[in-house]
C-alpha atoms as a PDB file:
ATOM      1  CA  UNK A   1    -108.696   7.756-172.345  1.00  0.00           C
ATOM      2  CA  UNK A   2    -111.981   6.340-173.582  1.00  0.00           C
ATOM      3  CA  UNK A   3    -112.714   2.651-173.505  1.00  0.00           C
ATOM      4  CA  UNK A   4    -113.385   1.258-176.962  1.00  0.00           C
ATOM      5  CA  UNK A   5    -115.980  -1.505-176.932  1.00  0.00           C
ATOM      6  CA  UNK A   6    -114.884  -4.321-179.179  1.00  0.00           C
ATOM      7  CA  UNK A   7    -117.159  -6.731-180.999  1.00  0.00           C
ATOM      8  CA  UNK A   8    -115.918  -9.466-178.687  1.00  0.00           C
ATOM      9  CA  UNK A   9    -117.185  -7.557-175.646  1.00  0.00           C
ATOM     10  CA  UNK A  10    -120.602  -7.081-177.258  1.00  0.00           C
ATOM     11  CA  UNK A  11    -121.050 -10.731-178.222  1.00  0.00           C
ATOM     12  CA  UNK A  12    -119.598 -12.023-174.978  1.00  0.00           C
ATOM     13  CA  UNK A  13    -119.659 -15.871-174.717  1.00  0.00           C
ATOM     14  CA  UNK A  14    -121.241 -16.084-178.169  1.00  0.00           C
ATOM     15  CA  UNK A  15    -117.947 -14.845-179.631  1.00  0.00           C
ATOM     16  CA  UNK A  16    -116.366 -18.253-178.972  1.00  0.00           C
ATOM     17  CA  UNK A  17    -119.132 -19.967-180.951  1.00  0.00           C
ATOM     18  CA  UNK A  18    -118.289 -18.072-184.114  1.00  0.00           C
ATOM     19  CA  UNK A  19    -115.957 -19.572-186.716  1.00  0.00           C
ATOM     20  CA  UNK A  20    -112.518 -17.949-187.022  1.00  0.00           C
ATOM     21  CA  UNK A  21    -112.402 -14.936-189.359  1.00  0.00           C
ATOM     22  CA  UNK A  22    -111.262 -15.757-192.859  1.00  0.00           C
ATOM     23  CA  UNK A  23    -107.894 -14.189-193.747  1.00  0.00           C
ATOM     24  CA  UNK A  24    -108.061 -11.673-196.558  1.00  0.00           C
END
């Protein structure tokens, strides 16, 4: 089973600095 890299893993600590995604 392959490990899927999420955007959160790429951004790391910077992910917490982003505003919450707007609901669509």
